[in-house]
Amino acid sequence: MSRNPALLESPSFETPGGTFETFRAAFRAGRHDLEYRCLAEPFKEKHSLTFDRYPIVRARILREEPGLRWLASARLGAVNRIGRDEAEARATVLGRGLRVRFLREWFYEIRRTDGSRIDDFLEEPISHLLERRETDWSVRLPGGPHAGLDPRAVERVTVGADWKILEILPETEP
């Protein structure tokens, strides 16, 4: 069972460390849905993963990416930012060192008044989508599945970024 069950109810993707701890909690609890949410889109694309397929192919992914299994018991060291949207940290488990790379992914989510939602990834950071006119701010969302949506059917719009696990590499000897 997870050592931090609160993360199973309220996962944290706001920092690389939060994502790391969320993945550990999900792995220990057998929450494949939450494990999947911790993985970056390039990782999912590399392994042709979808939300529905992940539980089915998970055993294969753990063989191909053994570092994922090691993360469940690892301790994360200091996180070093690499540019704006990437970070890297050293994780250790049983004397073994791993390099964990993280990617910040920008997204939006639109909740409709009927309870359904539309969400997608953004190609650029929020700072590129902000527009200011005197004292008013707005966010310009590029065309997508929301393009024809009636604004009166919108209850809430969230724009943000989540840190996700991009890859786990064995630590190379100096």
N, C-alpha and C. Protein backbone atom coordinates (compact mmCIF):
# COMPACT_ATOMS: atom_id res chain seq x y z
N MET A 1 0.84 -1.19 0.00
CA MET A 1 0.00 0.00 0.00
C MET A 1 0.88 1.25 0.00
N SER A 2 0.33 2.33 -0.43
CA SER A 2 1.06 3.60 -0.52
C SER A 2 1.43 4.13 0.85
N ARG A 3 2.62 4.73 0.92
CA ARG A 3 3.01 5.40 2.16
C ARG A 3 2.40 6.79 2.24
N ASN A 4 1.85 7.26 1.15
CA ASN A 4 1.22 8.58 1.13
C ASN A 4 -0.13 8.47 0.43
N PRO A 5 -1.14 7.92 1.11
CA PRO A 5 -2.44 7.70 0.46
C PRO A 5 -3.12 8.98 0.02
N ALA A 6 -2.76 10.13 0.61
CA ALA A 6 -3.38 11.39 0.20
C ALA A 6 -3.12 11.68 -1.28
N LEU A 7 -1.96 11.26 -1.78
CA LEU A 7 -1.64 11.50 -3.19
C LEU A 7 -2.53 10.70 -4.14
N LEU A 8 -3.12 9.63 -3.64
CA LEU A 8 -4.03 8.84 -4.47
C LEU A 8 -5.34 9.59 -4.69
N GLU A 9 -5.73 10.40 -3.73
CA GLU A 9 -6.96 11.19 -3.83
C GLU A 9 -6.72 12.55 -4.47
N SER A 10 -5.57 13.14 -4.17
CA SER A 10 -5.23 14.46 -4.71
C SER A 10 -3.81 14.41 -5.25
N PRO A 11 -3.64 13.86 -6.44
CA PRO A 11 -2.28 13.75 -7.00
C PRO A 11 -1.66 15.12 -7.21
N SER A 12 -0.34 15.15 -7.14
CA SER A 12 0.39 16.41 -7.30
C SER A 12 1.30 16.33 -8.54
N PHE A 13 1.07 17.23 -9.46
CA PHE A 13 1.90 17.33 -10.66
C PHE A 13 2.53 18.71 -10.78
N GLU A 14 2.44 19.50 -9.71
CA GLU A 14 2.91 20.88 -9.75
C GLU A 14 4.42 21.01 -9.76
N THR A 15 5.12 19.99 -9.27
CA THR A 15 6.58 19.99 -9.25
C THR A 15 7.06 18.61 -9.69
N PRO A 16 8.30 18.50 -10.14
CA PRO A 16 8.83 17.17 -10.45
C PRO A 16 8.77 16.24 -9.24
N GLY A 17 9.09 16.77 -8.05
CA GLY A 17 9.04 15.95 -6.84
C GLY A 17 7.63 15.47 -6.53
N GLY A 18 6.64 16.31 -6.76
CA GLY A 18 5.25 15.91 -6.55
C GLY A 18 4.84 14.80 -7.49
N THR A 19 5.26 14.89 -8.75
CA THR A 19 4.96 13.84 -9.72
C THR A 19 5.65 12.54 -9.33
N PHE A 20 6.90 12.63 -8.91
CA PHE A 20 7.65 11.46 -8.48
C PHE A 20 6.92 10.76 -7.33
N GLU A 21 6.51 11.52 -6.31
CA GLU A 21 5.82 10.93 -5.17
C GLU A 21 4.45 10.38 -5.55
N THR A 22 3.77 11.05 -6.47
CA THR A 22 2.48 10.56 -6.94
C THR A 22 2.66 9.23 -7.67
N PHE A 23 3.71 9.13 -8.51
CA PHE A 23 3.96 7.87 -9.21
C PHE A 23 4.24 6.75 -8.20
N ARG A 24 5.08 7.04 -7.21
CA ARG A 24 5.40 6.02 -6.19
C ARG A 24 4.14 5.53 -5.48
N ALA A 25 3.29 6.47 -5.09
CA ALA A 25 2.05 6.11 -4.39
C ALA A 25 1.15 5.27 -5.30
N ALA A 26 1.03 5.68 -6.56
CA ALA A 26 0.18 4.96 -7.51
C ALA A 26 0.72 3.55 -7.77
N PHE A 27 2.02 3.42 -7.95
CA PHE A 27 2.63 2.12 -8.23
C PHE A 27 2.39 1.17 -7.06
N ARG A 28 2.63 1.66 -5.85
CA ARG A 28 2.47 0.81 -4.66
C ARG A 28 1.02 0.40 -4.44
N ALA A 29 0.08 1.26 -4.84
CA ALA A 29 -1.33 0.98 -4.63
C ALA A 29 -1.96 0.22 -5.81
N GLY A 30 -1.17 -0.01 -6.86
CA GLY A 30 -1.72 -0.68 -8.04
C GLY A 30 -2.69 0.19 -8.81
N ARG A 31 -2.53 1.49 -8.74
CA ARG A 31 -3.40 2.43 -9.45
C ARG A 31 -2.82 2.74 -10.82
N HIS A 32 -3.07 1.85 -11.77
CA HIS A 32 -2.51 2.00 -13.11
C HIS A 32 -2.99 3.29 -13.79
N ASP A 33 -4.21 3.70 -13.51
CA ASP A 33 -4.72 4.94 -14.10
C ASP A 33 -3.88 6.14 -13.67
N LEU A 34 -3.49 6.17 -12.42
CA LEU A 34 -2.70 7.28 -11.91
C LEU A 34 -1.24 7.18 -12.35
N GLU A 35 -0.72 5.96 -12.44
CA GLU A 35 0.63 5.78 -13.00
C GLU A 35 0.68 6.41 -14.39
N TYR A 36 -0.31 6.08 -15.21
CA TYR A 36 -0.37 6.57 -16.58
C TYR A 36 -0.36 8.10 -16.61
N ARG A 37 -1.10 8.73 -15.71
CA ARG A 37 -1.17 10.20 -15.67
C ARG A 37 0.17 10.82 -15.32
N CYS A 38 1.08 10.08 -14.70
CA CYS A 38 2.40 10.60 -14.32
C CYS A 38 3.39 10.60 -15.48
N LEU A 39 3.06 9.95 -16.57
CA LEU A 39 3.99 9.79 -17.69
C LEU A 39 3.81 10.88 -18.73
N ALA A 40 4.92 11.39 -19.24
CA ALA A 40 4.91 12.45 -20.25
C ALA A 40 4.43 11.92 -21.60
N GLU A 41 3.86 12.80 -22.38
CA GLU A 41 3.36 12.42 -23.71
C GLU A 41 4.43 11.78 -24.59
N PRO A 42 5.68 12.29 -24.65
CA PRO A 42 6.68 11.61 -25.48
C PRO A 42 6.94 10.17 -25.01
N PHE A 43 6.90 9.91 -23.72
CA PHE A 43 7.06 8.56 -23.19
C PHE A 43 5.90 7.69 -23.70
N LYS A 44 4.68 8.21 -23.61
CA LYS A 44 3.51 7.46 -24.06
C LYS A 44 3.59 7.18 -25.57
N GLU A 45 4.02 8.18 -26.33
CA GLU A 45 4.14 8.01 -27.78
C GLU A 45 5.20 6.97 -28.13
N LYS A 46 6.32 7.01 -27.42
CA LYS A 46 7.41 6.05 -27.66
C LYS A 46 6.92 4.61 -27.51
N HIS A 47 6.02 4.38 -26.55
CA HIS A 47 5.52 3.03 -26.28
C HIS A 47 4.11 2.80 -26.81
N SER A 48 3.60 3.71 -27.63
CA SER A 48 2.24 3.62 -28.19
C SER A 48 1.20 3.38 -27.11
N LEU A 49 1.28 4.15 -26.04
CA LEU A 49 0.37 3.98 -24.91
C LEU A 49 -0.85 4.88 -25.03
N THR A 50 -1.97 4.34 -24.62
CA THR A 50 -3.19 5.11 -24.42
C THR A 50 -3.70 4.76 -23.02
N PHE A 51 -4.60 5.56 -22.52
CA PHE A 51 -5.15 5.33 -21.19
C PHE A 51 -5.76 3.92 -21.10
N ASP A 52 -6.51 3.54 -22.12
CA ASP A 52 -7.17 2.23 -22.12
C ASP A 52 -6.19 1.07 -22.27
N ARG A 53 -5.13 1.26 -23.01
CA ARG A 53 -4.16 0.18 -23.25
C ARG A 53 -3.15 0.00 -22.13
N TYR A 54 -2.90 1.04 -21.36
CA TYR A 54 -1.82 0.97 -20.37
C TYR A 54 -1.94 -0.23 -19.43
N PRO A 55 -3.09 -0.48 -18.81
CA PRO A 55 -3.16 -1.64 -17.91
C PRO A 55 -2.88 -2.97 -18.63
N ILE A 56 -3.21 -3.04 -19.89
CA ILE A 56 -3.04 -4.28 -20.67
C ILE A 56 -1.57 -4.51 -21.00
N VAL A 57 -0.84 -3.45 -21.35
CA VAL A 57 0.55 -3.59 -21.78
C VAL A 57 1.55 -3.21 -20.69
N ARG A 58 1.07 -2.94 -19.49
CA ARG A 58 1.92 -2.47 -18.40
C ARG A 58 3.09 -3.42 -18.12
N ALA A 59 2.84 -4.73 -18.10
CA ALA A 59 3.92 -5.70 -17.82
C ALA A 59 5.03 -5.57 -18.86
N ARG A 60 4.66 -5.37 -20.12
CA ARG A 60 5.67 -5.19 -21.18
C ARG A 60 6.44 -3.90 -20.96
N ILE A 61 5.75 -2.84 -20.60
CA ILE A 61 6.40 -1.54 -20.37
C ILE A 61 7.39 -1.65 -19.22
N LEU A 62 7.03 -2.36 -18.16
CA LEU A 62 7.94 -2.52 -17.02
C LEU A 62 9.17 -3.34 -17.39
N ARG A 63 9.04 -4.24 -18.35
CA ARG A 63 10.23 -4.97 -18.85
C ARG A 63 11.10 -4.06 -19.70
N GLU A 64 10.47 -3.25 -20.55
CA GLU A 64 11.20 -2.35 -21.44
C GLU A 64 11.79 -1.16 -20.68
N GLU A 65 11.13 -0.75 -19.63
CA GLU A 65 11.55 0.41 -18.83
C GLU A 65 11.67 -0.01 -17.37
N PRO A 66 12.68 -0.81 -17.03
CA PRO A 66 12.77 -1.33 -15.66
C PRO A 66 12.93 -0.24 -14.61
N GLY A 67 13.38 0.93 -15.01
CA GLY A 67 13.50 2.04 -14.07
C GLY A 67 12.17 2.42 -13.43
N LEU A 68 11.07 2.21 -14.15
CA LEU A 68 9.76 2.52 -13.57
C LEU A 68 9.51 1.71 -12.30
N ARG A 69 9.85 0.44 -12.34
CA ARG A 69 9.66 -0.41 -11.17
C ARG A 69 10.56 0.05 -10.02
N TRP A 70 11.78 0.44 -10.35
CA TRP A 70 12.71 0.89 -9.32
C TRP A 70 12.23 2.17 -8.64
N LEU A 71 11.52 3.02 -9.37
CA LEU A 71 11.07 4.28 -8.80
C LEU A 71 10.15 4.08 -7.59
N ALA A 72 9.44 2.98 -7.56
CA ALA A 72 8.49 2.74 -6.47
C ALA A 72 9.17 2.71 -5.11
N SER A 73 10.46 2.36 -5.08
CA SER A 73 11.19 2.29 -3.80
C SER A 73 12.31 3.32 -3.71
N ALA A 74 12.46 4.13 -4.71
CA ALA A 74 13.60 5.07 -4.78
C ALA A 74 13.35 6.32 -3.95
N ARG A 75 14.46 6.99 -3.66
CA ARG A 75 14.42 8.31 -3.03
C ARG A 75 14.94 9.31 -4.06
N LEU A 76 14.25 10.42 -4.15
CA LEU A 76 14.62 11.43 -5.13
C LEU A 76 15.55 12.45 -4.50
N GLY A 77 16.62 12.75 -5.21
CA GLY A 77 17.56 13.79 -4.76
C GLY A 77 17.10 15.15 -5.24
N ALA A 78 18.02 16.09 -5.21
CA ALA A 78 17.72 17.46 -5.64
C ALA A 78 17.33 17.48 -7.11
N VAL A 79 16.34 18.28 -7.42
CA VAL A 79 15.87 18.44 -8.80
C VAL A 79 16.57 19.64 -9.42
N ASN A 80 17.15 19.44 -10.59
CA ASN A 80 17.84 20.50 -11.32
C ASN A 80 17.04 20.84 -12.57
N ARG A 81 16.71 22.12 -12.71
CA ARG A 81 15.98 22.56 -13.90
C ARG A 81 16.93 22.62 -15.07
N ILE A 82 16.45 22.16 -16.21
CA ILE A 82 17.19 22.22 -17.47
C ILE A 82 16.32 23.04 -18.41
N GLY A 83 16.55 24.31 -18.49
CA GLY A 83 15.69 25.15 -19.29
C GLY A 83 14.35 25.36 -18.62
N ARG A 84 13.41 25.87 -19.37
CA ARG A 84 12.10 26.25 -18.83
C ARG A 84 11.22 25.05 -18.49
N ASP A 85 11.22 24.04 -19.32
CA ASP A 85 10.23 22.97 -19.20
C ASP A 85 10.81 21.58 -19.01
N GLU A 86 12.07 21.48 -18.63
CA GLU A 86 12.66 20.18 -18.34
C GLU A 86 13.41 20.25 -17.03
N ALA A 87 13.48 19.11 -16.38
CA ALA A 87 14.22 19.00 -15.12
C ALA A 87 14.77 17.58 -15.03
N GLU A 88 15.78 17.43 -14.19
CA GLU A 88 16.40 16.13 -14.01
C GLU A 88 16.78 15.98 -12.53
N ALA A 89 16.72 14.75 -12.05
CA ALA A 89 17.10 14.48 -10.67
C ALA A 89 17.72 13.10 -10.59
N ARG A 90 18.50 12.89 -9.55
CA ARG A 90 19.08 11.58 -9.28
C ARG A 90 18.19 10.90 -8.26
N ALA A 91 17.86 9.65 -8.54
CA ALA A 91 17.10 8.84 -7.60
C ALA A 91 17.98 7.66 -7.21
N THR A 92 17.87 7.22 -5.97
CA THR A 92 18.65 6.08 -5.52
C THR A 92 17.73 5.04 -4.90
N VAL A 93 18.09 3.78 -5.14
CA VAL A 93 17.38 2.65 -4.56
C VAL A 93 18.36 1.49 -4.44
N LEU A 94 18.50 0.97 -3.24
CA LEU A 94 19.39 -0.16 -2.98
C LEU A 94 20.79 0.07 -3.54
N GLY A 95 21.30 1.27 -3.37
CA GLY A 95 22.64 1.60 -3.84
C GLY A 95 22.75 1.85 -5.33
N ARG A 96 21.67 1.73 -6.03
CA ARG A 96 21.66 1.94 -7.49
C ARG A 96 21.21 3.37 -7.78
N GLY A 97 21.90 4.02 -8.69
CA GLY A 97 21.54 5.39 -9.07
C GLY A 97 20.77 5.41 -10.38
N LEU A 98 19.78 6.26 -10.45
CA LEU A 98 18.98 6.45 -11.65
C LEU A 98 18.90 7.95 -11.94
N ARG A 99 18.84 8.29 -13.21
CA ARG A 99 18.57 9.66 -13.61
C ARG A 99 17.11 9.72 -14.05
N VAL A 100 16.36 10.59 -13.43
CA VAL A 100 14.94 10.74 -13.78
C VAL A 100 14.79 12.09 -14.47
N ARG A 101 14.28 12.06 -15.68
CA ARG A 101 14.03 13.29 -16.44
C ARG A 101 12.55 13.60 -16.43
N PHE A 102 12.24 14.87 -16.23
CA PHE A 102 10.85 15.34 -16.17
C PHE A 102 10.61 16.36 -17.27
N LEU A 103 9.37 16.43 -17.71
CA LEU A 103 8.96 17.39 -18.73
C LEU A 103 7.72 18.12 -18.24
N ARG A 104 7.71 19.44 -18.37
CA ARG A 104 6.51 20.20 -18.01
C ARG A 104 5.63 20.30 -19.25
N GLU A 105 4.39 19.86 -19.12
CA GLU A 105 3.44 19.87 -20.23
C GLU A 105 2.32 20.87 -19.94
N TRP A 106 2.09 21.76 -20.90
CA TRP A 106 1.08 22.81 -20.80
C TRP A 106 -0.25 22.28 -21.33
N PHE A 107 -1.35 22.66 -20.70
CA PHE A 107 -2.65 22.12 -21.07
C PHE A 107 -3.77 23.13 -20.80
N TYR A 108 -4.94 22.83 -21.32
CA TYR A 108 -6.15 23.54 -20.92
C TYR A 108 -7.25 22.51 -20.71
N GLU A 109 -8.20 22.88 -19.90
CA GLU A 109 -9.37 22.04 -19.67
C GLU A 109 -10.59 22.96 -19.58
N ILE A 110 -11.63 22.61 -20.31
CA ILE A 110 -12.88 23.36 -20.29
C ILE A 110 -13.95 22.44 -19.72
N ARG A 111 -14.53 22.85 -18.61
CA ARG A 111 -15.66 22.11 -18.01
C ARG A 111 -16.94 22.75 -18.52
N ARG A 112 -17.81 21.91 -19.05
CA ARG A 112 -19.09 22.41 -19.56
C ARG A 112 -20.15 22.37 -18.46
N THR A 113 -21.21 23.08 -18.67
CA THR A 113 -22.29 23.12 -17.69
C THR A 113 -22.96 21.76 -17.52
N ASP A 114 -22.84 20.88 -18.51
CA ASP A 114 -23.43 19.53 -18.38
C ASP A 114 -22.48 18.55 -17.66
N GLY A 115 -21.33 19.05 -17.19
CA GLY A 115 -20.38 18.22 -16.45
C GLY A 115 -19.30 17.59 -17.31
N SER A 116 -19.46 17.60 -18.62
CA SER A 116 -18.43 17.03 -19.50
C SER A 116 -17.26 18.00 -19.61
N ARG A 117 -16.18 17.53 -20.21
CA ARG A 117 -15.02 18.39 -20.34
C ARG A 117 -14.35 18.21 -21.69
N ILE A 118 -13.64 19.23 -22.07
CA ILE A 118 -12.80 19.21 -23.27
C ILE A 118 -11.41 19.59 -22.77
N ASP A 119 -10.41 18.81 -23.15
CA ASP A 119 -9.05 19.17 -22.74
C ASP A 119 -8.08 18.82 -23.85
N ASP A 120 -6.95 19.48 -23.82
CA ASP A 120 -5.94 19.24 -24.84
C ASP A 120 -4.62 19.84 -24.35
N PHE A 121 -3.56 19.47 -25.02
CA PHE A 121 -2.25 20.03 -24.71
C PHE A 121 -2.03 21.30 -25.50
N LEU A 122 -1.22 22.18 -24.94
CA LEU A 122 -0.85 23.42 -25.61
C LEU A 122 0.56 23.27 -26.15
N GLU A 123 0.79 23.81 -27.31
CA GLU A 123 2.11 23.70 -27.95
C GLU A 123 3.12 24.68 -27.38
N GLU A 124 2.63 25.70 -26.67
CA GLU A 124 3.53 26.72 -26.15
C GLU A 124 3.14 27.07 -24.73
N PRO A 125 4.07 27.64 -23.96
CA PRO A 125 3.77 28.00 -22.58
C PRO A 125 2.71 29.09 -22.48
N ILE A 126 2.08 29.15 -21.34
CA ILE A 126 1.00 30.11 -21.10
C ILE A 126 1.43 31.55 -21.36
N SER A 127 2.68 31.87 -21.08
CA SER A 127 3.14 33.25 -21.27
C SER A 127 3.00 33.70 -22.72
N HIS A 128 3.03 32.76 -23.67
CA HIS A 128 2.87 33.10 -25.08
C HIS A 128 1.40 33.26 -25.47
N LEU A 129 0.50 32.84 -24.60
CA LEU A 129 -0.93 32.89 -24.91
C LEU A 129 -1.68 33.98 -24.16
N LEU A 130 -0.96 34.68 -23.28
CA LEU A 130 -1.59 35.75 -22.51
C LEU A 130 -1.67 37.03 -23.34
N GLU A 131 -2.80 37.70 -23.22
CA GLU A 131 -2.98 38.99 -23.87
C GLU A 131 -3.47 39.98 -22.83
N ARG A 132 -2.93 41.19 -22.87
CA ARG A 132 -3.33 42.21 -21.90
C ARG A 132 -3.79 43.46 -22.64
N ARG A 133 -4.95 43.94 -22.20
CA ARG A 133 -5.48 45.22 -22.70
C ARG A 133 -5.76 46.08 -21.49
N GLU A 134 -4.92 47.05 -21.31
CA GLU A 134 -4.96 47.92 -20.14
C GLU A 134 -4.90 47.06 -18.87
N THR A 135 -5.98 46.96 -18.13
CA THR A 135 -5.93 46.18 -16.87
C THR A 135 -6.55 44.79 -17.02
N ASP A 136 -7.09 44.46 -18.19
CA ASP A 136 -7.73 43.16 -18.40
C ASP A 136 -6.76 42.17 -19.02
N TRP A 137 -6.81 40.97 -18.54
CA TRP A 137 -6.00 39.88 -19.07
C TRP A 137 -6.92 38.83 -19.69
N SER A 138 -6.42 38.18 -20.73
CA SER A 138 -7.15 37.05 -21.32
C SER A 138 -6.13 36.02 -21.81
N VAL A 139 -6.61 34.81 -21.99
CA VAL A 139 -5.78 33.73 -22.50
C VAL A 139 -6.34 33.35 -23.87
N ARG A 140 -5.49 33.36 -24.87
CA ARG A 140 -5.90 32.99 -26.23
C ARG A 140 -5.60 31.50 -26.42
N LEU A 141 -6.68 30.70 -26.53
CA LEU A 141 -6.50 29.27 -26.77
C LEU A 141 -6.51 29.03 -28.27
N PRO A 142 -5.49 28.36 -28.79
CA PRO A 142 -5.47 28.08 -30.23
C PRO A 142 -6.63 27.15 -30.59
N GLY A 143 -7.00 27.15 -31.87
CA GLY A 143 -8.10 26.30 -32.33
C GLY A 143 -7.91 24.86 -31.92
N GLY A 144 -9.00 24.19 -31.68
CA GLY A 144 -8.96 22.80 -31.24
C GLY A 144 -10.36 22.27 -31.07
N PRO A 145 -10.52 21.25 -30.26
CA PRO A 145 -11.84 20.64 -30.11
C PRO A 145 -12.88 21.56 -29.48
N HIS A 146 -12.45 22.67 -28.91
CA HIS A 146 -13.36 23.62 -28.28
C HIS A 146 -13.84 24.70 -29.24
N ALA A 147 -13.32 24.73 -30.46
CA ALA A 147 -13.54 25.85 -31.38
C ALA A 147 -15.01 26.20 -31.57
N GLY A 148 -15.89 25.23 -31.70
CA GLY A 148 -17.31 25.53 -31.95
C GLY A 148 -18.16 25.58 -30.70
N LEU A 149 -17.55 25.56 -29.54
CA LEU A 149 -18.28 25.51 -28.28
C LEU A 149 -18.97 26.84 -27.98
N ASP A 150 -20.22 26.78 -27.58
CA ASP A 150 -20.96 27.97 -27.18
C ASP A 150 -20.45 28.43 -25.82
N PRO A 151 -19.95 29.66 -25.69
CA PRO A 151 -19.42 30.13 -24.41
C PRO A 151 -20.42 30.04 -23.25
N ARG A 152 -21.72 30.07 -23.55
CA ARG A 152 -22.72 29.95 -22.49
C ARG A 152 -22.75 28.55 -21.89
N ALA A 153 -22.14 27.58 -22.58
CA ALA A 153 -22.11 26.20 -22.09
C ALA A 153 -20.86 25.91 -21.25
N VAL A 154 -20.06 26.95 -21.00
CA VAL A 154 -18.81 26.78 -20.27
C VAL A 154 -19.01 27.17 -18.81
N GLU A 155 -18.60 26.26 -17.93
CA GLU A 155 -18.67 26.53 -16.49
C GLU A 155 -17.33 26.99 -15.94
N ARG A 156 -16.24 26.40 -16.45
CA ARG A 156 -14.91 26.72 -15.92
C ARG A 156 -13.86 26.43 -16.99
N VAL A 157 -12.81 27.26 -17.00
CA VAL A 157 -11.65 27.03 -17.88
C VAL A 157 -10.41 27.02 -16.99
N THR A 158 -9.60 26.00 -17.16
CA THR A 158 -8.33 25.89 -16.44
C THR A 158 -7.21 25.82 -17.47
N VAL A 159 -6.20 26.62 -17.27
CA VAL A 159 -5.00 26.58 -18.10
C VAL A 159 -3.82 26.43 -17.16
N GLY A 160 -2.94 25.48 -17.45
CA GLY A 160 -1.81 25.29 -16.55
C GLY A 160 -0.76 24.37 -17.11
N ALA A 161 0.07 23.88 -16.21
CA ALA A 161 1.16 22.99 -16.59
C ALA A 161 1.34 21.93 -15.53
N ASP A 162 1.64 20.74 -15.96
CA ASP A 162 1.93 19.61 -15.08
C ASP A 162 3.31 19.07 -15.41
N TRP A 163 4.03 18.66 -14.37
CA TRP A 163 5.31 17.98 -14.57
C TRP A 163 5.05 16.49 -14.70
N LYS A 164 5.68 15.86 -15.69
CA LYS A 164 5.49 14.44 -15.95
C LYS A 164 6.85 13.75 -16.10
N ILE A 165 6.86 12.44 -15.92
CA ILE A 165 8.09 11.65 -16.05
C ILE A 165 8.36 11.41 -17.53
N LEU A 166 9.50 11.88 -18.00
CA LEU A 166 9.87 11.75 -19.40
C LEU A 166 10.66 10.47 -19.65
N GLU A 167 11.64 10.18 -18.78
CA GLU A 167 12.40 8.94 -18.92
C GLU A 167 13.19 8.68 -17.65
N ILE A 168 13.54 7.41 -17.48
CA ILE A 168 14.36 6.97 -16.36
C ILE A 168 15.56 6.26 -16.98
N LEU A 169 16.74 6.74 -16.64
CA LEU A 169 17.97 6.19 -17.23
C LEU A 169 18.88 5.67 -16.12
N PRO A 170 19.62 4.60 -16.39
CA PRO A 170 20.60 4.18 -15.40
C PRO A 170 21.68 5.26 -15.28
N GLU A 171 22.14 5.48 -14.09
CA GLU A 171 23.18 6.48 -13.90
C GLU A 171 24.48 5.95 -14.48
N THR A 172 25.12 6.79 -15.29
CA THR A 172 26.38 6.38 -15.90
C THR A 172 27.52 6.63 -14.93
N GLU A 173 28.49 5.76 -14.97
CA GLU A 173 29.66 5.93 -14.11
C GLU A 173 30.51 7.07 -14.62
N PRO A 174 31.07 7.91 -13.72
CA PRO A 174 31.90 9.04 -14.18
C PRO A 174 33.20 8.55 -14.81
